[in-house]
């Protein structure tokens, strides 16, 4: 029989819960004239690696992230897929949402 109880108070003990998060960002300058794609890899609130389309490769922010970045950067097919994200993800979504987002600029 398992007894359910409330979680311990903050700082009392480790919860055993860990968070892995990936954030994709599209930065638009003058419409789609200049587009930048950034993909961040975060573990427990610490970014460990990032792909920036302006740099064109993964960069590690921690020792683990450096290993992961080397591995990802060594795969030409994977890198081509990542570099194409500017068009596949950013420009595509910009075209789909422009009518809604640009028209609402400045509204509160």
PDB file of N, CA and C in Angstrom:
ATOM      1  N   UNK A   1       0.850  -1.179   0.000  1.00  0.00           N
ATOM      2  CA  UNK A   1       0.000   0.000   0.000  1.00  0.00           C
ATOM      3  C   UNK A   1       0.892   1.238   0.000  1.00  0.00           C
ATOM      4  N   UNK A   2       0.620   2.168  -0.898  1.00  0.00           N
ATOM      5  CA  UNK A   2       1.402   3.394  -1.001  1.00  0.00           C
ATOM      6  C   UNK A   2       0.615   4.527  -0.367  1.00  0.00           C
ATOM      7  N   UNK A   3       1.274   5.273   0.468  1.00  0.00           N
ATOM      8  CA  UNK A   3       0.634   6.427   1.098  1.00  0.00           C
ATOM      9  C   UNK A   3       1.016   7.666   0.304  1.00  0.00           C
ATOM     10  N   UNK A   4       0.023   8.412  -0.155  1.00  0.00           N
ATOM     11  CA  UNK A   4       0.283   9.643  -0.894  1.00  0.00           C
ATOM     12  C   UNK A   4       0.454  10.782   0.089  1.00  0.00           C
ATOM     13  N   UNK A   5       1.409  11.638  -0.177  1.00  0.00           N
ATOM     14  CA  UNK A   5       1.632  12.778   0.707  1.00  0.00           C
ATOM     15  C   UNK A   5       1.995  14.002  -0.121  1.00  0.00           C
ATOM     16  N   UNK A   6       1.923  15.144   0.489  1.00  0.00           N
ATOM     17  CA  UNK A   6       2.272  16.395  -0.187  1.00  0.00           C
ATOM     18  C   UNK A   6       3.775  16.429  -0.420  1.00  0.00           C
ATOM     19  N   UNK A   7       4.220  17.126  -1.464  1.00  0.00           N
ATOM     20  CA  UNK A   7       5.665  17.236  -1.698  1.00  0.00           C
ATOM     21  C   UNK A   7       6.332  17.993  -0.552  1.00  0.00           C
ATOM     22  N   UNK A   8       7.619  17.737  -0.312  1.00  0.00           N
ATOM     23  CA  UNK A   8       8.324  18.415   0.779  1.00  0.00           C
ATOM     24  C   UNK A   8       8.430  19.916   0.514  1.00  0.00           C
ATOM     25  N   UNK A   9       8.663  20.664   1.553  1.00  0.00           N
ATOM     26  CA  UNK A   9       8.839  22.110   1.425  1.00  0.00           C
ATOM     27  C   UNK A   9      10.053  22.393   0.556  1.00  0.00           C
ATOM     28  N   UNK A  10      10.055  23.550  -0.084  1.00  0.00           N
ATOM     29  CA  UNK A  10      11.153  23.933  -0.977  1.00  0.00           C
ATOM     30  C   UNK A  10      12.486  23.820  -0.251  1.00  0.00           C
ATOM     31  N   UNK A  11      13.424  23.150  -0.867  1.00  0.00           N
ATOM     32  CA  UNK A  11      14.754  23.008  -0.310  1.00  0.00           C
ATOM     33  C   UNK A  11      14.896  21.870   0.686  1.00  0.00           C
ATOM     34  N   UNK A  12      13.810  21.201   1.022  1.00  0.00           N
ATOM     35  CA  UNK A  12      13.879  20.132   2.015  1.00  0.00           C
ATOM     36  C   UNK A  12      14.617  18.912   1.476  1.00  0.00           C
ATOM     37  N   UNK A  13      14.368  18.559   0.228  1.00  0.00           N
ATOM     38  CA  UNK A  13      15.066  17.437  -0.398  1.00  0.00           C
ATOM     39  C   UNK A  13      14.884  17.557  -1.910  1.00  0.00           C
ATOM     40  N   UNK A  14      15.707  16.859  -2.646  1.00  0.00           N
ATOM     41  CA  UNK A  14      15.568  16.891  -4.098  1.00  0.00           C
ATOM     42  C   UNK A  14      14.306  16.159  -4.505  1.00  0.00           C
ATOM     43  N   UNK A  15      13.637  16.680  -5.488  1.00  0.00           N
ATOM     44  CA  UNK A  15      12.369  16.084  -5.906  1.00  0.00           C
ATOM     45  C   UNK A  15      12.551  14.905  -6.852  1.00  0.00           C
ATOM     46  N   UNK A  16      13.704  14.807  -7.503  1.00  0.00           N
ATOM     47  CA  UNK A  16      13.883  13.771  -8.503  1.00  0.00           C
ATOM     48  C   UNK A  16      13.272  14.153  -9.834  1.00  0.00           C
ATOM     49  N   UNK A  17      12.800  15.379  -9.951  1.00  0.00           N
ATOM     50  CA  UNK A  17      12.207  15.858 -11.199  1.00  0.00           C
ATOM     51  C   UNK A  17      13.233  16.729 -11.908  1.00  0.00           C
ATOM     52  N   UNK A  18      13.446  16.442 -13.179  1.00  0.00           N
ATOM     53  CA  UNK A  18      14.394  17.204 -13.972  1.00  0.00           C
ATOM     54  C   UNK A  18      13.675  17.719 -15.206  1.00  0.00           C
ATOM     55  N   UNK A  19      14.120  18.842 -15.718  1.00  0.00           N
ATOM     56  CA  UNK A  19      13.445  19.445 -16.860  1.00  0.00           C
ATOM     57  C   UNK A  19      14.401  19.579 -18.034  1.00  0.00           C
ATOM     58  N   UNK A  20      13.979  19.052 -19.166  1.00  0.00           N
ATOM     59  CA  UNK A  20      14.690  19.208 -20.437  1.00  0.00           C
ATOM     60  C   UNK A  20      13.795  20.075 -21.306  1.00  0.00           C
ATOM     61  N   UNK A  21      14.336  21.155 -21.851  1.00  0.00           N
ATOM     62  CA  UNK A  21      13.523  22.068 -22.642  1.00  0.00           C
ATOM     63  C   UNK A  21      14.285  22.481 -23.897  1.00  0.00           C
ATOM     64  N   UNK A  22      13.557  22.597 -24.991  1.00  0.00           N
ATOM     65  CA  UNK A  22      14.116  23.098 -26.240  1.00  0.00           C
ATOM     66  C   UNK A  22      13.261  24.281 -26.662  1.00  0.00           C
ATOM     67  N   UNK A  23      13.902  25.414 -26.915  1.00  0.00           N
ATOM     68  CA  UNK A  23      13.186  26.622 -27.327  1.00  0.00           C
ATOM     69  C   UNK A  23      13.638  27.012 -28.724  1.00  0.00           C
ATOM     70  N   UNK A  24      12.680  27.212 -29.603  1.00  0.00           N
ATOM     71  CA  UNK A  24      12.972  27.677 -30.960  1.00  0.00           C
ATOM     72  C   UNK A  24      12.513  29.116 -31.080  1.00  0.00           C
ATOM     73  N   UNK A  25      13.379  29.959 -31.618  1.00  0.00           N
ATOM     74  CA  UNK A  25      13.069  31.379 -31.761  1.00  0.00           C
ATOM     75  C   UNK A  25      13.295  31.806 -33.203  1.00  0.00           C
ATOM     76  N   UNK A  26      12.413  32.668 -33.684  1.00  0.00           N
ATOM     77  CA  UNK A  26      12.584  33.291 -34.990  1.00  0.00           C
ATOM     78  C   UNK A  26      12.641  34.796 -34.781  1.00  0.00           C
ATOM     79  N   UNK A  27      13.685  35.419 -35.276  1.00  0.00           N
ATOM     80  CA  UNK A  27      13.853  36.867 -35.166  1.00  0.00           C
ATOM     81  C   UNK A  27      13.742  37.452 -36.571  1.00  0.00           C
ATOM     82  N   UNK A  28      12.792  38.365 -36.755  1.00  0.00           N
ATOM     83  CA  UNK A  28      12.532  38.957 -38.070  1.00  0.00           C
ATOM     84  C   UNK A  28      12.942  40.421 -38.058  1.00  0.00           C
ATOM     85  N   UNK A  29      13.682  40.819 -39.078  1.00  0.00           N
ATOM     86  CA  UNK A  29      14.064  42.213 -39.243  1.00  0.00           C
ATOM     87  C   UNK A  29      13.568  42.647 -40.614  1.00  0.00           C
ATOM     88  N   UNK A  30      12.707  43.638 -40.624  1.00  0.00           N
ATOM     89  CA  UNK A  30      12.125  44.147 -41.867  1.00  0.00           C
ATOM     90  C   UNK A  30      11.391  43.029 -42.613  1.00  0.00           C
ATOM     91  N   UNK A  31      10.390  42.470 -41.949  1.00  0.00           N
ATOM     92  CA  UNK A  31       9.644  41.361 -42.550  1.00  0.00           C
ATOM     93  C   UNK A  31      10.522  40.136 -42.620  1.00  0.00           C
ATOM     94  N   UNK A  32      10.591  39.541 -43.790  1.00  0.00           N
ATOM     95  CA  UNK A  32      11.454  38.364 -43.952  1.00  0.00           C
ATOM     96  C   UNK A  32      12.741  38.704 -44.694  1.00  0.00           C
ATOM     97  N   UNK A  33      13.050  39.996 -44.768  1.00  0.00           N
ATOM     98  CA  UNK A  33      14.288  40.393 -45.449  1.00  0.00           C
ATOM     99  C   UNK A  33      15.506  39.800 -44.748  1.00  0.00           C
ATOM    100  N   UNK A  34      15.494  39.852 -43.434  1.00  0.00           N
ATOM    101  CA  UNK A  34      16.571  39.245 -42.646  1.00  0.00           C
ATOM    102  C   UNK A  34      15.911  38.422 -41.542  1.00  0.00           C
ATOM    103  N   UNK A  35      16.200  37.127 -41.521  1.00  0.00           N
ATOM    104  CA  UNK A  35      15.595  36.217 -40.547  1.00  0.00           C
ATOM    105  C   UNK A  35      16.703  35.440 -39.842  1.00  0.00           C
ATOM    106  N   UNK A  36      16.551  35.320 -38.546  1.00  0.00           N
ATOM    107  CA  UNK A  36      17.521  34.578 -37.738  1.00  0.00           C
ATOM    108  C   UNK A  36      16.769  33.503 -36.952  1.00  0.00           C
ATOM    109  N   UNK A  37      17.269  32.281 -37.009  1.00  0.00           N
ATOM    110  CA  UNK A  37      16.680  31.157 -36.274  1.00  0.00           C
ATOM    111  C   UNK A  37      17.634  30.762 -35.151  1.00  0.00           C
ATOM    112  N   UNK A  38      17.102  30.667 -33.940  1.00  0.00           N
ATOM    113  CA  UNK A  38      17.900  30.264 -32.783  1.00  0.00           C
ATOM    114  C   UNK A  38      17.170  29.119 -32.088  1.00  0.00           C
ATOM    115  N   UNK A  39      17.892  28.041 -31.817  1.00  0.00           N
ATOM    116  CA  UNK A  39      17.316  26.904 -31.093  1.00  0.00           C
ATOM    117  C   UNK A  39      18.173  26.662 -29.858  1.00  0.00           C
ATOM    118  N   UNK A  40      17.544  26.768 -28.687  1.00  0.00           N
ATOM    119  CA  UNK A  40      18.250  26.649 -27.411  1.00  0.00           C
ATOM    120  C   UNK A  40      17.915  25.318 -26.739  1.00  0.00           C
ATOM    121  N   UNK A  41      18.922  24.672 -26.191  1.00  0.00           N
ATOM    122  CA  UNK A  41      18.761  23.405 -25.483  1.00  0.00           C
ATOM    123  C   UNK A  41      19.080  23.658 -24.012  1.00  0.00           C
ATOM    124  N   UNK A  42      18.096  23.401 -23.152  1.00  0.00           N
ATOM    125  CA  UNK A  42      18.181  23.792 -21.745  1.00  0.00           C
ATOM    126  C   UNK A  42      17.893  22.575 -20.867  1.00  0.00           C
ATOM    127  N   UNK A  43      18.710  22.407 -19.841  1.00  0.00           N
ATOM    128  CA  UNK A  43      18.493  21.340 -18.862  1.00  0.00           C
ATOM    129  C   UNK A  43      18.511  21.967 -17.473  1.00  0.00           C
ATOM    130  N   UNK A  44      17.423  21.786 -16.741  1.00  0.00           N
ATOM    131  CA  UNK A  44      17.298  22.363 -15.391  1.00  0.00           C
ATOM    132  C   UNK A  44      17.659  23.850 -15.368  1.00  0.00           C
ATOM    133  N   UNK A  45      17.069  24.594 -16.270  1.00  0.00           N
ATOM    134  CA  UNK A  45      17.201  26.051 -16.367  1.00  0.00           C
ATOM    135  C   UNK A  45      18.578  26.531 -16.815  1.00  0.00           C
ATOM    136  N   UNK A  46      19.447  25.637 -17.245  1.00  0.00           N
ATOM    137  CA  UNK A  46      20.763  26.047 -17.725  1.00  0.00           C
ATOM    138  C   UNK A  46      20.894  25.668 -19.194  1.00  0.00           C
ATOM    139  N   UNK A  47      21.162  26.661 -20.024  1.00  0.00           N
ATOM    140  CA  UNK A  47      21.368  26.394 -21.442  1.00  0.00           C
ATOM    141  C   UNK A  47      22.695  25.667 -21.607  1.00  0.00           C
ATOM    142  N   UNK A  48      22.641  24.527 -22.312  1.00  0.00           N
ATOM    143  CA  UNK A  48      23.890  23.781 -22.514  1.00  0.00           C
ATOM    144  C   UNK A  48      24.361  23.807 -23.956  1.00  0.00           C
ATOM    145  N   UNK A  49      23.471  24.116 -24.904  1.00  0.00           N
ATOM    146  CA  UNK A  49      23.874  24.213 -26.307  1.00  0.00           C
ATOM    147  C   UNK A  49      22.885  25.105 -27.039  1.00  0.00           C
ATOM    148  N   UNK A  50      23.354  25.687 -28.131  1.00  0.00           N
ATOM    149  CA  UNK A  50      22.498  26.569 -28.928  1.00  0.00           C
ATOM    150  C   UNK A  50      22.889  26.446 -30.397  1.00  0.00           C
ATOM    151  N   UNK A  51      21.873  26.503 -31.266  1.00  0.00           N
ATOM    152  CA  UNK A  51      22.114  26.622 -32.701  1.00  0.00           C
ATOM    153  C   UNK A  51      21.641  28.003 -33.106  1.00  0.00           C
ATOM    154  N   UNK A  52      22.499  28.746 -33.779  1.00  0.00           N
ATOM    155  CA  UNK A  52      22.165  30.087 -34.261  1.00  0.00           C
ATOM    156  C   UNK A  52      22.418  30.093 -35.760  1.00  0.00           C
ATOM    157  N   UNK A  53      21.382  30.399 -36.545  1.00  0.00           N
ATOM    158  CA  UNK A  53      21.539  30.356 -38.001  1.00  0.00           C
ATOM    159  C   UNK A  53      22.575  31.363 -38.489  1.00  0.00           C
ATOM    160  N   UNK A  54      22.804  32.446 -37.746  1.00  0.00           N
ATOM    161  CA  UNK A  54      23.845  33.400 -38.137  1.00  0.00           C
ATOM    162  C   UNK A  54      25.235  32.798 -37.982  1.00  0.00           C
ATOM    163  N   UNK A  55      25.405  31.905 -37.018  1.00  0.00           N
ATOM    164  CA  UNK A  55      26.688  31.228 -36.804  1.00  0.00           C
ATOM    165  C   UNK A  55      26.788  30.015 -37.725  1.00  0.00           C
ATOM    166  N   UNK A  56      25.652  29.320 -37.927  1.00  0.00           N
ATOM    167  CA  UNK A  56      25.603  28.180 -38.836  1.00  0.00           C
ATOM    168  C   UNK A  56      26.015  26.854 -38.231  1.00  0.00           C
ATOM    169  N   UNK A  57      26.158  26.822 -36.906  1.00  0.00           N
ATOM    170  CA  UNK A  57      26.544  25.587 -36.241  1.00  0.00           C
ATOM    171  C   UNK A  57      26.104  25.629 -34.785  1.00  0.00           C
ATOM    172  N   UNK A  58      26.182  24.469 -34.128  1.00  0.00           N
ATOM    173  CA  UNK A  58      25.870  24.389 -32.707  1.00  0.00           C
ATOM    174  C   UNK A  58      27.074  24.857 -31.901  1.00  0.00           C
ATOM    175  N   UNK A  59      26.795  25.510 -30.778  1.00  0.00           N
ATOM    176  CA  UNK A  59      27.838  25.955 -29.860  1.00  0.00           C
ATOM    177  C   UNK A  59      27.460  25.455 -28.472  1.00  0.00           C
ATOM    178  N   UNK A  60      28.423  24.854 -27.780  1.00  0.00           N
ATOM    179  CA  UNK A  60      28.183  24.360 -26.429  1.00  0.00           C
ATOM    180  C   UNK A  60      28.449  25.431 -25.394  1.00  0.00           C
ATOM    181  N   UNK A  61      27.577  25.512 -24.394  1.00  0.00           N
ATOM    182  CA  UNK A  61      27.733  26.483 -23.313  1.00  0.00           C
ATOM    183  C   UNK A  61      28.232  25.845 -22.020  1.00  0.00           C
ATOM    184  N   UNK A  62      28.276  24.523 -21.978  1.00  0.00           N
ATOM    185  CA  UNK A  62      28.773  23.777 -20.820  1.00  0.00           C
ATOM    186  C   UNK A  62      29.677  22.670 -21.364  1.00  0.00           C
ATOM    187  N   UNK A  63      30.441  22.004 -20.512  1.00  0.00           N
ATOM    188  CA  UNK A  63      31.260  20.884 -21.007  1.00  0.00           C
ATOM    189  C   UNK A  63      30.414  19.819 -21.716  1.00  0.00           C
ATOM    190  N   UNK A  64      29.267  19.476 -21.140  1.00  0.00           N
ATOM    191  CA  UNK A  64      28.377  18.515 -21.804  1.00  0.00           C
ATOM    192  C   UNK A  64      27.885  19.078 -23.137  1.00  0.00           C
ATOM    193  N   UNK A  65      27.498  20.345 -23.147  1.00  0.00           N
ATOM    194  CA  UNK A  65      27.020  20.986 -24.368  1.00  0.00           C
ATOM    195  C   UNK A  65      28.074  21.024 -25.462  1.00  0.00           C
ATOM    196  N   UNK A  66      29.332  21.182 -25.085  1.00  0.00           N
ATOM    197  CA  UNK A  66      30.414  21.171 -26.075  1.00  0.00           C
ATOM    198  C   UNK A  66      30.515  19.808 -26.750  1.00  0.00           C
ATOM    199  N   UNK A  67      30.358  18.736 -25.974  1.00  0.00           N
ATOM    200  CA  UNK A  67      30.391  17.381 -26.547  1.00  0.00           C
ATOM    201  C   UNK A  67      29.217  17.167 -27.494  1.00  0.00           C
ATOM    202  N   UNK A  68      28.032  17.579 -27.055  1.00  0.00           N
ATOM    203  CA  UNK A  68      26.834  17.435 -27.879  1.00  0.00           C
ATOM    204  C   UNK A  68      26.983  18.249 -29.165  1.00  0.00           C
ATOM    205  N   UNK A  69      27.471  19.478 -29.047  1.00  0.00           N
ATOM    206  CA  UNK A  69      27.648  20.347 -30.214  1.00  0.00           C
ATOM    207  C   UNK A  69      28.631  19.727 -31.207  1.00  0.00           C
ATOM    208  N   UNK A  70      29.736  19.173 -30.723  1.00  0.00           N
ATOM    209  CA  UNK A  70      30.700  18.515 -31.625  1.00  0.00           C
ATOM    210  C   UNK A  70      30.039  17.367 -32.369  1.00  0.00           C
ATOM    211  N   UNK A  71      29.257  16.579 -31.649  1.00  0.00           N
ATOM    212  CA  UNK A  71      28.575  15.434 -32.262  1.00  0.00           C
ATOM    213  C   UNK A  71      27.593  15.903 -33.336  1.00  0.00           C
ATOM    214  N   UNK A  72      26.734  16.862 -33.002  1.00  0.00           N
ATOM    215  CA  UNK A  72      25.750  17.356 -33.976  1.00  0.00           C
ATOM    216  C   UNK A  72      26.431  18.023 -35.164  1.00  0.00           C
ATOM    217  N   UNK A  73      27.466  18.819 -34.912  1.00  0.00           N
ATOM    218  CA  UNK A  73      28.168  19.520 -35.992  1.00  0.00           C
ATOM    219  C   UNK A  73      28.887  18.562 -36.936  1.00  0.00           C
ATOM    220  N   UNK A  74      29.168  17.339 -36.478  1.00  0.00           N
ATOM    221  CA  UNK A  74      29.904  16.376 -37.307  1.00  0.00           C
ATOM    222  C   UNK A  74      29.004  15.646 -38.306  1.00  0.00           C
ATOM    223  N   UNK A  75      27.706  15.851 -38.235  1.00  0.00           N
ATOM    224  CA  UNK A  75      26.753  15.166 -39.119  1.00  0.00           C
ATOM    225  C   UNK A  75      26.257  16.137 -40.191  1.00  0.00           C
ATOM    226  N   UNK A  76      26.777  16.027 -41.426  1.00  0.00           N
ATOM    227  CA  UNK A  76      26.416  16.982 -42.483  1.00  0.00           C
ATOM    228  C   UNK A  76      24.918  17.028 -42.793  1.00  0.00           C
ATOM    229  N   UNK A  77      24.241  15.885 -42.785  1.00  0.00           N
ATOM    230  CA  UNK A  77      22.798  15.878 -43.071  1.00  0.00           C
ATOM    231  C   UNK A  77      22.015  16.603 -41.983  1.00  0.00           C
ATOM    232  N   UNK A  78      22.377  16.352 -40.733  1.00  0.00           N
ATOM    233  CA  UNK A  78      21.704  17.003 -39.608  1.00  0.00           C
ATOM    234  C   UNK A  78      21.923  18.519 -39.663  1.00  0.00           C
ATOM    235  N   UNK A  79      23.128  18.918 -40.014  1.00  0.00           N
ATOM    236  CA  UNK A  79      23.438  20.346 -40.079  1.00  0.00           C
ATOM    237  C   UNK A  79      22.679  21.024 -41.216  1.00  0.00           C
ATOM    238  N   UNK A  80      22.548  20.360 -42.339  1.00  0.00           N
ATOM    239  CA  UNK A  80      21.782  20.926 -43.451  1.00  0.00           C
ATOM    240  C   UNK A  80      20.314  21.089 -43.051  1.00  0.00           C
ATOM    241  N   UNK A  81      19.786  20.115 -42.340  1.00  0.00           N
ATOM    242  CA  UNK A  81      18.406  20.185 -41.850  1.00  0.00           C
ATOM    243  C   UNK A  81      18.236  21.375 -40.901  1.00  0.00           C
ATOM    244  N   UNK A  82      19.183  21.570 -39.991  1.00  0.00           N
ATOM    245  CA  UNK A  82      19.123  22.689 -39.042  1.00  0.00           C
ATOM    246  C   UNK A  82      19.226  24.024 -39.771  1.00  0.00           C
ATOM    247  N   UNK A  83      20.152  24.129 -40.711  1.00  0.00           N
ATOM    248  CA  UNK A  83      20.334  25.393 -41.431  1.00  0.00           C
ATOM    249  C   UNK A  83      19.102  25.763 -42.251  1.00  0.00           C
ATOM    250  N   UNK A  84      18.381  24.755 -42.722  1.00  0.00           N
ATOM    251  CA  UNK A  84      17.173  25.006 -43.516  1.00  0.00           C
ATOM    252  C   UNK A  84      15.986  25.427 -42.650  1.00  0.00           C
ATOM    253  N   UNK A  85      16.136  25.387 -41.335  1.00  0.00           N
ATOM    254  CA  UNK A  85      15.028  25.746 -40.435  1.00  0.00           C
ATOM    255  C   UNK A  85      14.598  27.192 -40.606  1.00  0.00           C
ATOM    256  N   UNK A  86      15.499  28.051 -41.042  1.00  0.00           N
ATOM    257  CA  UNK A  86      15.128  29.452 -41.277  1.00  0.00           C
ATOM    258  C   UNK A  86      13.975  29.515 -42.266  1.00  0.00           C
ATOM    259  N   UNK A  87      14.069  28.766 -43.341  1.00  0.00           N
ATOM    260  CA  UNK A  87      12.992  28.766 -44.337  1.00  0.00           C
ATOM    261  C   UNK A  87      11.831  27.877 -43.911  1.00  0.00           C
ATOM    262  N   UNK A  88      12.142  26.674 -43.480  1.00  0.00           N
ATOM    263  CA  UNK A  88      11.112  25.686 -43.156  1.00  0.00           C
ATOM    264  C   UNK A  88      10.264  26.111 -41.962  1.00  0.00           C
ATOM    265  N   UNK A  89      10.866  26.677 -40.967  1.00  0.00           N
ATOM    266  CA  UNK A  89      10.158  27.007 -39.732  1.00  0.00           C
ATOM    267  C   UNK A  89       9.798  28.496 -39.663  1.00  0.00           C
ATOM    268  N   UNK A  90      10.789  29.359 -39.786  1.00  0.00           N
ATOM    269  CA  UNK A  90      10.558  30.792 -39.567  1.00  0.00           C
ATOM    270  C   UNK A  90       9.784  31.459 -40.697  1.00  0.00           C
ATOM    271  N   UNK A  91      10.317  31.398 -41.895  1.00  0.00           N
ATOM    272  CA  UNK A  91       9.634  32.091 -43.000  1.00  0.00           C
ATOM    273  C   UNK A  91       8.256  31.497 -43.259  1.00  0.00           C
ATOM    274  N   UNK A  92       8.147  30.192 -43.153  1.00  0.00           N
ATOM    275  CA  UNK A  92       6.860  29.528 -43.361  1.00  0.00           C
ATOM    276  C   UNK A  92       5.830  30.029 -42.342  1.00  0.00           C
ATOM    277  N   UNK A  93       6.195  30.045 -41.072  1.00  0.00           N
ATOM    278  CA  UNK A  93       5.266  30.490 -40.032  1.00  0.00           C
ATOM    279  C   UNK A  93       4.989  31.987 -40.108  1.00  0.00           C
ATOM    280  N   UNK A  94       5.958  32.754 -40.567  1.00  0.00           N
ATOM    281  CA  UNK A  94       5.733  34.198 -40.736  1.00  0.00           C
ATOM    282  C   UNK A  94       4.627  34.427 -41.759  1.00  0.00           C
ATOM    283  N   UNK A  95       4.712  33.719 -42.866  1.00  0.00           N
ATOM    284  CA  UNK A  95       3.697  33.873 -43.912  1.00  0.00           C
ATOM    285  C   UNK A  95       2.317  33.466 -43.402  1.00  0.00           C
ATOM    286  N   UNK A  96       2.250  32.444 -42.565  1.00  0.00           N
ATOM    287  CA  UNK A  96       0.966  31.984 -42.035  1.00  0.00           C
ATOM    288  C   UNK A  96       0.364  32.946 -41.015  1.00  0.00           C
ATOM    289  N   UNK A  97       1.201  33.633 -40.256  1.00  0.00           N
ATOM    290  CA  UNK A  97       0.687  34.435 -39.143  1.00  0.00           C
ATOM    291  C   UNK A  97       0.768  35.940 -39.344  1.00  0.00           C
ATOM    292  N   UNK A  98       1.333  36.407 -40.450  1.00  0.00           N
ATOM    293  CA  UNK A  98       1.478  37.843 -40.675  1.00  0.00           C
ATOM    294  C   UNK A  98       0.145  38.573 -40.591  1.00  0.00           C
ATOM    295  N   UNK A  99      -0.877  38.029 -41.199  1.00  0.00           N
ATOM    296  CA  UNK A  99      -2.181  38.698 -41.222  1.00  0.00           C
ATOM    297  C   UNK A  99      -2.694  38.968 -39.815  1.00  0.00           C
ATOM    298  N   UNK A 100      -2.361  38.110 -38.882  1.00  0.00           N
ATOM    299  CA  UNK A 100      -2.838  38.259 -37.505  1.00  0.00           C
ATOM    300  C   UNK A 100      -1.887  39.102 -36.656  1.00  0.00           C
ATOM    301  N   UNK A 101      -0.603  38.829 -36.735  1.00  0.00           N
ATOM    302  CA  UNK A 101       0.359  39.477 -35.847  1.00  0.00           C
ATOM    303  C   UNK A 101       0.682  40.907 -36.242  1.00  0.00           C
ATOM    304  N   UNK A 102       0.971  41.145 -37.507  1.00  0.00           N
ATOM    305  CA  UNK A 102       1.379  42.476 -37.943  1.00  0.00           C
ATOM    306  C   UNK A 102       0.221  43.454 -37.814  1.00  0.00           C
ATOM    307  N   UNK A 103      -0.978  43.011 -38.103  1.00  0.00           N
ATOM    308  CA  UNK A 103      -2.145  43.877 -37.991  1.00  0.00           C
ATOM    309  C   UNK A 103      -2.454  44.290 -36.562  1.00  0.00           C
ATOM    310  N   UNK A 104      -1.967  43.559 -35.579  1.00  0.00           N
ATOM    311  CA  UNK A 104      -2.257  43.840 -34.170  1.00  0.00           C
ATOM    312  C   UNK A 104      -1.139  44.629 -33.500  1.00  0.00           C
ATOM    313  N   UNK A 105      -0.120  44.995 -34.215  1.00  0.00           N
ATOM    314  CA  UNK A 105       1.003  45.719 -33.629  1.00  0.00           C
ATOM    315  C   UNK A 105       0.519  47.003 -32.957  1.00  0.00           C
ATOM    316  N   UNK A 106       0.871  47.193 -31.725  1.00  0.00           N
ATOM    317  CA  UNK A 106       0.519  48.410 -31.011  1.00  0.00           C
ATOM    318  C   UNK A 106      -0.839  48.370 -30.338  1.00  0.00           C
ATOM    319  N   UNK A 107      -1.656  47.368 -30.620  1.00  0.00           N
ATOM    320  CA  UNK A 107      -2.963  47.266 -29.963  1.00  0.00           C
ATOM    321  C   UNK A 107      -2.784  46.776 -28.535  1.00  0.00           C
ATOM    322  N   UNK A 108      -3.637  47.203 -27.674  1.00  0.00           N
ATOM    323  CA  UNK A 108      -3.608  46.746 -26.271  1.00  0.00           C
ATOM    324  C   UNK A 108      -4.961  46.243 -25.885  1.00  0.00           C
TER     325      UNK A 108
END
